Each structure stands twice: as structure tokens, then as C-alpha cells.
Amino acid sequence: MSLKNPALKPRQSKTLSGWHAEDVKAAIRKKGLTLSALSKKHHYSDSYLRGTLIRRRPRGEEIIARFLGVSPAEIWPDRYRADGTRKRYRAQT
């Protein structure tokens, strides 16, 4: 195995700050559900909330945070301002 092969490089987390994705999943499991079950409970596909862990999905962030009893800004501080309002991003051209 050569480390020069890009397919063999370890994946890095896309979350810059806040809770690690595995911590979010563990907290949900400790409360008795999985991400898939929580997605289905809210009438989304079973992978919807999994995507929320790596990309901005305001509705998904709200579902997870409400289930865990915290604010979305606590879990994803890089996606929210200090006052708790969501940062808006524009597509770069």
C-alpha cells in the first residue's frame, strides 16, 4: 500500500468546531434512537439527518438539537452567530 494513493488517505472531519459527528450520534443513541429513526420520525428519508452532520441543513439541525435538548448553535457554533441566529452563506461564483 502506498500512502501516495489519495484513496488510502484517512478522511478528515468536515466539522470545523463544535460537537464531533460521533458525539452527536452517541448522544442520540443514549436517548434511545438512531439518526435514521429520528429522521423517519420526522417524515424524512433515513439518511436526511446523517447529511446534517456534514452540511448545513437548518431543519435537520433544529430536529437534532431539539431532541437533545440543546440549541443548534451549541452543536454547530461555526454555523451560527454569537446571538444564536443562523449564518447565511451565498454561493461563490
PDB file of N, CA and C in Angstrom:
ATOM      1  N   MET A   1       0.835  -1.196   0.000  1.00  0.00           N
ATOM      2  CA  MET A   1       0.000   0.000   0.000  1.00  0.00           C
ATOM      3  C   MET A   1       0.867   1.242   0.000  1.00  0.00           C
ATOM      4  N   SER A   2       0.566   2.128  -0.874  1.00  0.00           N
ATOM      5  CA  SER A   2       1.305   3.378  -0.960  1.00  0.00           C
ATOM      6  C   SER A   2       0.474   4.504  -0.376  1.00  0.00           C
ATOM      7  N   LEU A   3       1.071   5.320   0.458  1.00  0.00           N
ATOM      8  CA  LEU A   3       0.360   6.452   1.028  1.00  0.00           C
ATOM      9  C   LEU A   3       0.168   7.579   0.017  1.00  0.00           C
ATOM     10  N   LYS A   4       0.805   7.444  -1.138  1.00  0.00           N
ATOM     11  CA  LYS A   4       0.640   8.460  -2.172  1.00  0.00           C
ATOM     12  C   LYS A   4      -0.691   8.307  -2.903  1.00  0.00           C
ATOM     13  N   ASN A   5      -1.331   7.181  -2.739  1.00  0.00           N
ATOM     14  CA  ASN A   5      -2.631   6.946  -3.350  1.00  0.00           C
ATOM     15  C   ASN A   5      -3.682   7.737  -2.578  1.00  0.00           C
ATOM     16  N   PRO A   6      -4.384   8.702  -3.214  1.00  0.00           N
ATOM     17  CA  PRO A   6      -5.357   9.517  -2.490  1.00  0.00           C
ATOM     18  C   PRO A   6      -6.505   8.707  -1.903  1.00  0.00           C
ATOM     19  N   ALA A   7      -6.797   7.556  -2.466  1.00  0.00           N
ATOM     20  CA  ALA A   7      -7.882   6.728  -1.943  1.00  0.00           C
ATOM     21  C   ALA A   7      -7.535   6.130  -0.593  1.00  0.00           C
ATOM     22  N   LEU A   8      -6.256   6.088  -0.254  1.00  0.00           N
ATOM     23  CA  LEU A   8      -5.827   5.493   1.005  1.00  0.00           C
ATOM     24  C   LEU A   8      -5.610   6.513   2.116  1.00  0.00           C
ATOM     25  N   LYS A   9      -5.825   7.786   1.824  1.00  0.00           N
ATOM     26  CA  LYS A   9      -5.655   8.809   2.852  1.00  0.00           C
ATOM     27  C   LYS A   9      -6.815   8.753   3.840  1.00  0.00           C
ATOM     28  N   PRO A  10      -6.541   8.964   5.137  1.00  0.00           N
ATOM     29  CA  PRO A  10      -7.629   8.974   6.110  1.00  0.00           C
ATOM     30  C   PRO A  10      -8.545  10.167   5.879  1.00  0.00           C
ATOM     31  N   ARG A  11      -9.819   9.963   6.094  1.00  0.00           N
ATOM     32  CA  ARG A  11     -10.782  11.050   5.945  1.00  0.00           C
ATOM     33  C   ARG A  11     -10.683  11.994   7.128  1.00  0.00           C
ATOM     34  N   GLN A  12     -10.866  13.260   6.851  1.00  0.00           N
ATOM     35  CA  GLN A  12     -10.864  14.251   7.910  1.00  0.00           C
ATOM     36  C   GLN A  12     -12.289  14.718   8.145  1.00  0.00           C
ATOM     37  N   SER A  13     -12.590  15.081   9.379  1.00  0.00           N
ATOM     38  CA  SER A  13     -13.915  15.582   9.708  1.00  0.00           C
ATOM     39  C   SER A  13     -14.155  16.911   9.012  1.00  0.00           C
ATOM     40  N   LYS A  14     -15.370  17.122   8.507  1.00  0.00           N
ATOM     41  CA  LYS A  14     -15.701  18.374   7.848  1.00  0.00           C
ATOM     42  C   LYS A  14     -16.173  19.414   8.849  1.00  0.00           C
ATOM     43  N   THR A  15     -16.405  19.000  10.098  1.00  0.00           N
ATOM     44  CA  THR A  15     -16.836  19.935  11.117  1.00  0.00           C
ATOM     45  C   THR A  15     -15.630  20.710  11.623  1.00  0.00           C
ATOM     46  N   LEU A  16     -15.692  22.035  11.573  1.00  0.00           N
ATOM     47  CA  LEU A  16     -14.570  22.860  11.998  1.00  0.00           C
ATOM     48  C   LEU A  16     -14.552  23.085  13.495  1.00  0.00           C
ATOM     49  N   SER A  17     -15.700  23.187  14.100  1.00  0.00           N
ATOM     50  CA  SER A  17     -15.769  23.378  15.544  1.00  0.00           C
ATOM     51  C   SER A  17     -17.091  22.819  16.031  1.00  0.00           C
ATOM     52  N   GLY A  18     -17.255  22.758  17.323  1.00  0.00           N
ATOM     53  CA  GLY A  18     -18.489  22.223  17.878  1.00  0.00           C
ATOM     54  C   GLY A  18     -18.374  20.739  18.163  1.00  0.00           C
ATOM     55  N   TRP A  19     -19.511  20.090  18.265  1.00  0.00           N
ATOM     56  CA  TRP A  19     -19.544  18.676  18.592  1.00  0.00           C
ATOM     57  C   TRP A  19     -19.027  17.863  17.413  1.00  0.00           C
ATOM     58  N   HIS A  20     -18.321  16.814  17.711  1.00  0.00           N
ATOM     59  CA  HIS A  20     -17.898  15.866  16.683  1.00  0.00           C
ATOM     60  C   HIS A  20     -19.126  15.057  16.260  1.00  0.00           C
ATOM     61  N   ALA A  21     -19.181  14.648  15.008  1.00  0.00           N
ATOM     62  CA  ALA A  21     -20.326  13.901  14.486  1.00  0.00           C
ATOM     63  C   ALA A  21     -20.605  12.645  15.311  1.00  0.00           C
ATOM     64  N   GLU A  22     -19.557  11.961  15.746  1.00  0.00           N
ATOM     65  CA  GLU A  22     -19.745  10.745  16.544  1.00  0.00           C
ATOM     66  C   GLU A  22     -20.346  11.065  17.913  1.00  0.00           C
ATOM     67  N   ASP A  23     -20.029  12.244  18.471  1.00  0.00           N
ATOM     68  CA  ASP A  23     -20.622  12.653  19.746  1.00  0.00           C
ATOM     69  C   ASP A  23     -22.110  12.915  19.587  1.00  0.00           C
ATOM     70  N   VAL A  24     -22.493  13.512  18.468  1.00  0.00           N
ATOM     71  CA  VAL A  24     -23.907  13.763  18.198  1.00  0.00           C
ATOM     72  C   VAL A  24     -24.645  12.434  18.079  1.00  0.00           C
ATOM     73  N   LYS A  25     -24.086  11.511  17.305  1.00  0.00           N
ATOM     74  CA  LYS A  25     -24.724  10.207  17.130  1.00  0.00           C
ATOM     75  C   LYS A  25     -24.824   9.458  18.459  1.00  0.00           C
ATOM     76  N   ALA A  26     -23.773   9.522  19.274  1.00  0.00           N
ATOM     77  CA  ALA A  26     -23.789   8.837  20.570  1.00  0.00           C
ATOM     78  C   ALA A  26     -24.843   9.435  21.495  1.00  0.00           C
ATOM     79  N   ALA A  27     -24.969  10.756  21.491  1.00  0.00           N
ATOM     80  CA  ALA A  27     -25.969  11.407  22.340  1.00  0.00           C
ATOM     81  C   ALA A  27     -27.385  10.995  21.927  1.00  0.00           C
ATOM     82  N   ILE A  28     -27.611  10.881  20.630  1.00  0.00           N
ATOM     83  CA  ILE A  28     -28.927  10.444  20.143  1.00  0.00           C
ATOM     84  C   ILE A  28     -29.186   8.995  20.548  1.00  0.00           C
ATOM     85  N   ARG A  29     -28.175   8.142  20.401  1.00  0.00           N
ATOM     86  CA  ARG A  29     -28.326   6.736  20.800  1.00  0.00           C
ATOM     87  C   ARG A  29     -28.584   6.607  22.295  1.00  0.00           C
ATOM     88  N   LYS A  30     -27.931   7.449  23.110  1.00  0.00           N
ATOM     89  CA  LYS A  30     -28.142   7.398  24.560  1.00  0.00           C
ATOM     90  C   LYS A  30     -29.575   7.751  24.931  1.00  0.00           C
ATOM     91  N   LYS A  31     -30.238   8.512  24.069  1.00  0.00           N
ATOM     92  CA  LYS A  31     -31.636   8.870  24.322  1.00  0.00           C
ATOM     93  C   LYS A  31     -32.598   7.868  23.685  1.00  0.00           C
ATOM     94  N   GLY A  32     -32.047   6.790  23.098  1.00  0.00           N
ATOM     95  CA  GLY A  32     -32.882   5.693  22.654  1.00  0.00           C
ATOM     96  C   GLY A  32     -33.249   5.639  21.184  1.00  0.00           C
ATOM     97  N   LEU A  33     -32.669   6.485  20.350  1.00  0.00           N
ATOM     98  CA  LEU A  33     -32.951   6.446  18.920  1.00  0.00           C
ATOM     99  C   LEU A  33     -31.648   6.445  18.135  1.00  0.00           C
ATOM    100  N   THR A  34     -31.769   6.267  16.834  1.00  0.00           N
ATOM    101  CA  THR A  34     -30.642   6.416  15.925  1.00  0.00           C
ATOM    102  C   THR A  34     -30.949   7.604  15.028  1.00  0.00           C
ATOM    103  N   LEU A  35     -29.956   8.068  14.283  1.00  0.00           N
ATOM    104  CA  LEU A  35     -30.201   9.150  13.328  1.00  0.00           C
ATOM    105  C   LEU A  35     -31.267   8.743  12.313  1.00  0.00           C
ATOM    106  N   SER A  36     -31.204   7.512  11.850  1.00  0.00           N
ATOM    107  CA  SER A  36     -32.191   7.038  10.874  1.00  0.00           C
ATOM    108  C   SER A  36     -33.592   7.044  11.460  1.00  0.00           C
ATOM    109  N   ALA A  37     -33.730   6.545  12.677  1.00  0.00           N
ATOM    110  CA  ALA A  37     -35.048   6.502  13.315  1.00  0.00           C
ATOM    111  C   ALA A  37     -35.577   7.909  13.576  1.00  0.00           C
ATOM    112  N   LEU A  38     -34.695   8.814  13.978  1.00  0.00           N
ATOM    113  CA  LEU A  38     -35.112  10.194  14.219  1.00  0.00           C
ATOM    114  C   LEU A  38     -35.546  10.858  12.914  1.00  0.00           C
ATOM    115  N   SER A  39     -34.847  10.572  11.826  1.00  0.00           N
ATOM    116  CA  SER A  39     -35.235  11.091  10.508  1.00  0.00           C
ATOM    117  C   SER A  39     -36.623  10.595  10.128  1.00  0.00           C
ATOM    118  N   LYS A  40     -36.834   9.304  10.263  1.00  0.00           N
ATOM    119  CA  LYS A  40     -38.129   8.709   9.901  1.00  0.00           C
ATOM    120  C   LYS A  40     -39.255   9.250  10.777  1.00  0.00           C
ATOM    121  N   LYS A  41     -38.959   9.465  12.052  1.00  0.00           N
ATOM    122  CA  LYS A  41     -39.959  10.004  12.976  1.00  0.00           C
ATOM    123  C   LYS A  41     -40.467  11.368  12.512  1.00  0.00           C
ATOM    124  N   HIS A  42     -39.610  12.120  11.833  1.00  0.00           N
ATOM    125  CA  HIS A  42     -39.975  13.447  11.341  1.00  0.00           C
ATOM    126  C   HIS A  42     -40.310  13.442   9.845  1.00  0.00           C
ATOM    127  N   HIS A  43     -40.551  12.244   9.310  1.00  0.00           N
ATOM    128  CA  HIS A  43     -41.009  12.065   7.923  1.00  0.00           C
ATOM    129  C   HIS A  43     -39.983  12.504   6.876  1.00  0.00           C
ATOM    130  N   TYR A  44     -38.714  12.255   7.178  1.00  0.00           N
ATOM    131  CA  TYR A  44     -37.646  12.480   6.218  1.00  0.00           C
ATOM    132  C   TYR A  44     -37.049  11.130   5.851  1.00  0.00           C
ATOM    133  N   SER A  45     -36.249  11.109   4.794  1.00  0.00           N
ATOM    134  CA  SER A  45     -35.569   9.858   4.443  1.00  0.00           C
ATOM    135  C   SER A  45     -34.643   9.470   5.588  1.00  0.00           C
ATOM    136  N   ASP A  46     -34.309   8.188   5.656  1.00  0.00           N
ATOM    137  CA  ASP A  46     -33.494   7.729   6.781  1.00  0.00           C
ATOM    138  C   ASP A  46     -32.082   8.317   6.783  1.00  0.00           C
ATOM    139  N   SER A  47     -31.634   8.886   5.664  1.00  0.00           N
ATOM    140  CA  SER A  47     -30.285   9.467   5.622  1.00  0.00           C
ATOM    141  C   SER A  47     -30.280  10.997   5.757  1.00  0.00           C
ATOM    142  N   TYR A  48     -31.442  11.620   5.884  1.00  0.00           N
ATOM    143  CA  TYR A  48     -31.514  13.083   5.923  1.00  0.00           C
ATOM    144  C   TYR A  48     -30.683  13.677   7.059  1.00  0.00           C
ATOM    145  N   LEU A  49     -30.869  13.193   8.268  1.00  0.00           N
ATOM    146  CA  LEU A  49     -30.150  13.776   9.404  1.00  0.00           C
ATOM    147  C   LEU A  49     -28.668  13.414   9.387  1.00  0.00           C
ATOM    148  N   ARG A  50     -28.306  12.313   8.774  1.00  0.00           N
ATOM    149  CA  ARG A  50     -26.893  11.974   8.632  1.00  0.00           C
ATOM    150  C   ARG A  50     -26.190  13.052   7.815  1.00  0.00           C
ATOM    151  N   GLY A  51     -26.852  13.552   6.790  1.00  0.00           N
ATOM    152  CA  GLY A  51     -26.294  14.622   5.976  1.00  0.00           C
ATOM    153  C   GLY A  51     -26.151  15.927   6.735  1.00  0.00           C
ATOM    154  N   THR A  52     -27.021  16.129   7.724  1.00  0.00           N
ATOM    155  CA  THR A  52     -26.967  17.337   8.540  1.00  0.00           C
ATOM    156  C   THR A  52     -25.660  17.426   9.322  1.00  0.00           C
ATOM    157  N   LEU A  53     -25.056  16.292   9.612  1.00  0.00           N
ATOM    158  CA  LEU A  53     -23.804  16.294  10.370  1.00  0.00           C
ATOM    159  C   LEU A  53     -22.651  16.890   9.569  1.00  0.00           C
ATOM    160  N   ILE A  54     -22.752  16.880   8.231  1.00  0.00           N
ATOM    161  CA  ILE A  54     -21.632  17.373   7.425  1.00  0.00           C
ATOM    162  C   ILE A  54     -21.976  18.574   6.566  1.00  0.00           C
ATOM    163  N   ARG A  55     -23.250  18.897   6.419  1.00  0.00           N
ATOM    164  CA  ARG A  55     -23.611  20.089   5.638  1.00  0.00           C
ATOM    165  C   ARG A  55     -24.748  20.829   6.332  1.00  0.00           C
ATOM    166  N   ARG A  56     -24.871  22.103   6.000  1.00  0.00           N
ATOM    167  CA  ARG A  56     -25.881  22.947   6.634  1.00  0.00           C
ATOM    168  C   ARG A  56     -27.287  22.549   6.182  1.00  0.00           C
ATOM    169  N   ARG A  57     -28.079  22.124   7.139  1.00  0.00           N
ATOM    170  CA  ARG A  57     -29.487  21.831   6.908  1.00  0.00           C
ATOM    171  C   ARG A  57     -30.239  22.362   8.125  1.00  0.00           C
ATOM    172  N   PRO A  58     -30.717  23.585   8.050  1.00  0.00           N
ATOM    173  CA  PRO A  58     -31.330  24.215   9.218  1.00  0.00           C
ATOM    174  C   PRO A  58     -32.431  23.376   9.873  1.00  0.00           C
ATOM    175  N   ARG A  59     -33.288  22.766   9.074  1.00  0.00           N
ATOM    176  CA  ARG A  59     -34.363  21.969   9.663  1.00  0.00           C
ATOM    177  C   ARG A  59     -33.794  20.744  10.374  1.00  0.00           C
ATOM    178  N   GLY A  60     -32.817  20.102   9.772  1.00  0.00           N
ATOM    179  CA  GLY A  60     -32.180  18.950  10.404  1.00  0.00           C
ATOM    180  C   GLY A  60     -31.451  19.321  11.681  1.00  0.00           C
ATOM    181  N   GLU A  61     -30.778  20.465  11.661  1.00  0.00           N
ATOM    182  CA  GLU A  61     -30.081  20.943  12.856  1.00  0.00           C
ATOM    183  C   GLU A  61     -31.073  21.173  13.991  1.00  0.00           C
ATOM    184  N   GLU A  62     -32.214  21.753  13.656  1.00  0.00           N
ATOM    185  CA  GLU A  62     -33.244  22.025  14.662  1.00  0.00           C
ATOM    186  C   GLU A  62     -33.811  20.728  15.241  1.00  0.00           C
ATOM    187  N   ILE A  63     -34.060  19.741  14.391  1.00  0.00           N
ATOM    188  CA  ILE A  63     -34.597  18.452  14.857  1.00  0.00           C
ATOM    189  C   ILE A  63     -33.628  17.790  15.828  1.00  0.00           C
ATOM    190  N   ILE A  64     -32.358  17.728  15.456  1.00  0.00           N
ATOM    191  CA  ILE A  64     -31.357  17.086  16.311  1.00  0.00           C
ATOM    192  C   ILE A  64     -31.206  17.838  17.626  1.00  0.00           C
ATOM    193  N   ALA A  65     -31.068  19.155  17.544  1.00  0.00           N
ATOM    194  CA  ALA A  65     -30.867  19.957  18.762  1.00  0.00           C
ATOM    195  C   ALA A  65     -32.064  19.853  19.704  1.00  0.00           C
ATOM    196  N   ARG A  66     -33.259  19.935  19.159  1.00  0.00           N
ATOM    197  CA  ARG A  66     -34.459  19.838  19.996  1.00  0.00           C
ATOM    198  C   ARG A  66     -34.530  18.473  20.676  1.00  0.00           C
ATOM    199  N   PHE A  67     -34.211  17.423  19.940  1.00  0.00           N
ATOM    200  CA  PHE A  67     -34.229  16.077  20.518  1.00  0.00           C
ATOM    201  C   PHE A  67     -33.218  15.950  21.657  1.00  0.00           C
ATOM    202  N   LEU A  68     -32.055  16.591  21.495  1.00  0.00           N
ATOM    203  CA  LEU A  68     -31.008  16.514  22.518  1.00  0.00           C
ATOM    204  C   LEU A  68     -31.183  17.544  23.631  1.00  0.00           C
ATOM    205  N   GLY A  69     -32.110  18.483  23.451  1.00  0.00           N
ATOM    206  CA  GLY A  69     -32.367  19.476  24.491  1.00  0.00           C
ATOM    207  C   GLY A  69     -31.337  20.589  24.561  1.00  0.00           C
ATOM    208  N   VAL A  70     -30.706  20.900  23.434  1.00  0.00           N
ATOM    209  CA  VAL A  70     -29.729  21.985  23.370  1.00  0.00           C
ATOM    210  C   VAL A  70     -30.053  22.864  22.167  1.00  0.00           C
ATOM    211  N   SER A  71     -29.357  23.974  22.032  1.00  0.00           N
ATOM    212  CA  SER A  71     -29.570  24.823  20.863  1.00  0.00           C
ATOM    213  C   SER A  71     -28.694  24.332  19.711  1.00  0.00           C
ATOM    214  N   PRO A  72     -29.132  24.547  18.478  1.00  0.00           N
ATOM    215  CA  PRO A  72     -28.289  24.176  17.344  1.00  0.00           C
ATOM    216  C   PRO A  72     -26.928  24.873  17.379  1.00  0.00           C
ATOM    217  N   ALA A  73     -26.886  26.097  17.893  1.00  0.00           N
ATOM    218  CA  ALA A  73     -25.628  26.849  17.967  1.00  0.00           C
ATOM    219  C   ALA A  73     -24.628  26.185  18.901  1.00  0.00           C
ATOM    220  N   GLU A  74     -25.100  25.440  19.880  1.00  0.00           N
ATOM    221  CA  GLU A  74     -24.193  24.739  20.780  1.00  0.00           C
ATOM    222  C   GLU A  74     -23.522  23.559  20.061  1.00  0.00           C
ATOM    223  N   ILE A  75     -24.263  22.880  19.212  1.00  0.00           N
ATOM    224  CA  ILE A  75     -23.720  21.733  18.492  1.00  0.00           C
ATOM    225  C   ILE A  75     -22.851  22.181  17.318  1.00  0.00           C
ATOM    226  N   TRP A  76     -23.318  23.217  16.578  1.00  0.00           N
ATOM    227  CA  TRP A  76     -22.625  23.694  15.374  1.00  0.00           C
ATOM    228  C   TRP A  76     -22.317  25.184  15.497  1.00  0.00           C
ATOM    229  N   PRO A  77     -21.406  25.604  16.378  1.00  0.00           N
ATOM    230  CA  PRO A  77     -21.139  27.036  16.549  1.00  0.00           C
ATOM    231  C   PRO A  77     -20.579  27.709  15.294  1.00  0.00           C
ATOM    232  N   ASP A  78     -19.957  26.946  14.400  1.00  0.00           N
ATOM    233  CA  ASP A  78     -19.437  27.532  13.168  1.00  0.00           C
ATOM    234  C   ASP A  78     -20.555  27.867  12.179  1.00  0.00           C
ATOM    235  N   ARG A  79     -21.764  27.384  12.415  1.00  0.00           N
ATOM    236  CA  ARG A  79     -22.894  27.654  11.529  1.00  0.00           C
ATOM    237  C   ARG A  79     -23.809  28.762  12.064  1.00  0.00           C
ATOM    238  N   TYR A  80     -23.519  29.258  13.270  1.00  0.00           N
ATOM    239  CA  TYR A  80     -24.374  30.249  13.925  1.00  0.00           C
ATOM    240  C   TYR A  80     -23.550  31.411  14.454  1.00  0.00           C
ATOM    241  N   ARG A  81     -24.196  32.565  14.566  1.00  0.00           N
ATOM    242  CA  ARG A  81     -23.555  33.743  15.157  1.00  0.00           C
ATOM    243  C   ARG A  81     -23.610  33.633  16.680  1.00  0.00           C
ATOM    244  N   ALA A  82     -22.921  34.533  17.359  1.00  0.00           N
ATOM    245  CA  ALA A  82     -22.872  34.527  18.827  1.00  0.00           C
ATOM    246  C   ALA A  82     -24.259  34.687  19.448  1.00  0.00           C
ATOM    247  N   ASP A  83     -25.157  35.409  18.757  1.00  0.00           N
ATOM    248  CA  ASP A  83     -26.503  35.612  19.311  1.00  0.00           C
ATOM    249  C   ASP A  83     -27.448  34.442  19.014  1.00  0.00           C
ATOM    250  N   GLY A  84     -26.940  33.398  18.356  1.00  0.00           N
ATOM    251  CA  GLY A  84     -27.744  32.213  18.095  1.00  0.00           C
ATOM    252  C   GLY A  84     -28.466  32.210  16.757  1.00  0.00           C
ATOM    253  N   THR A  85     -28.359  33.295  15.991  1.00  0.00           N
ATOM    254  CA  THR A  85     -29.005  33.322  14.684  1.00  0.00           C
ATOM    255  C   THR A  85     -28.115  32.600  13.673  1.00  0.00           C
ATOM    256  N   ARG A  86     -28.751  32.025  12.692  1.00  0.00           N
ATOM    257  CA  ARG A  86     -28.047  31.233  11.691  1.00  0.00           C
ATOM    258  C   ARG A  86     -27.285  32.127  10.726  1.00  0.00           C
ATOM    259  N   LYS A  87     -26.041  31.734  10.433  1.00  0.00           N
ATOM    260  CA  LYS A  87     -25.258  32.440   9.425  1.00  0.00           C
ATOM    261  C   LYS A  87     -25.835  32.099   8.057  1.00  0.00           C
ATOM    262  N   ARG A  88     -25.893  33.073   7.193  1.00  0.00           N
ATOM    263  CA  ARG A  88     -26.360  32.849   5.826  1.00  0.00           C
ATOM    264  C   ARG A  88     -25.147  32.823   4.915  1.00  0.00           C
ATOM    265  N   TYR A  89     -25.122  31.873   4.030  1.00  0.00           N
ATOM    266  CA  TYR A  89     -23.996  31.720   3.108  1.00  0.00           C
ATOM    267  C   TYR A  89     -24.495  31.918   1.689  1.00  0.00           C
ATOM    268  N   ARG A  90     -23.706  32.605   0.916  1.00  0.00           N
ATOM    269  CA  ARG A  90     -24.019  32.788  -0.507  1.00  0.00           C
ATOM    270  C   ARG A  90     -23.109  31.891  -1.317  1.00  0.00           C
ATOM    271  N   ALA A  91     -23.640  31.404  -2.400  1.00  0.00           N
ATOM    272  CA  ALA A  91     -22.817  30.579  -3.290  1.00  0.00           C
ATOM    273  C   ALA A  91     -21.733  31.454  -3.898  1.00  0.00           C
ATOM    274  N   GLN A  92     -20.546  30.928  -3.959  1.00  0.00           N
ATOM    275  CA  GLN A  92     -19.448  31.680  -4.550  1.00  0.00           C
ATOM    276  C   GLN A  92     -19.466  31.475  -6.053  1.00  0.00           C
ATOM    277  N   THR A  93     -19.235  32.571  -6.784  1.00  0.00           N
ATOM    278  CA  THR A  93     -19.228  32.478  -8.250  1.00  0.00           C
ATOM    279  C   THR A  93     -17.838  32.653  -8.796  1.00  0.00           C
TER     280      THR A  93
END
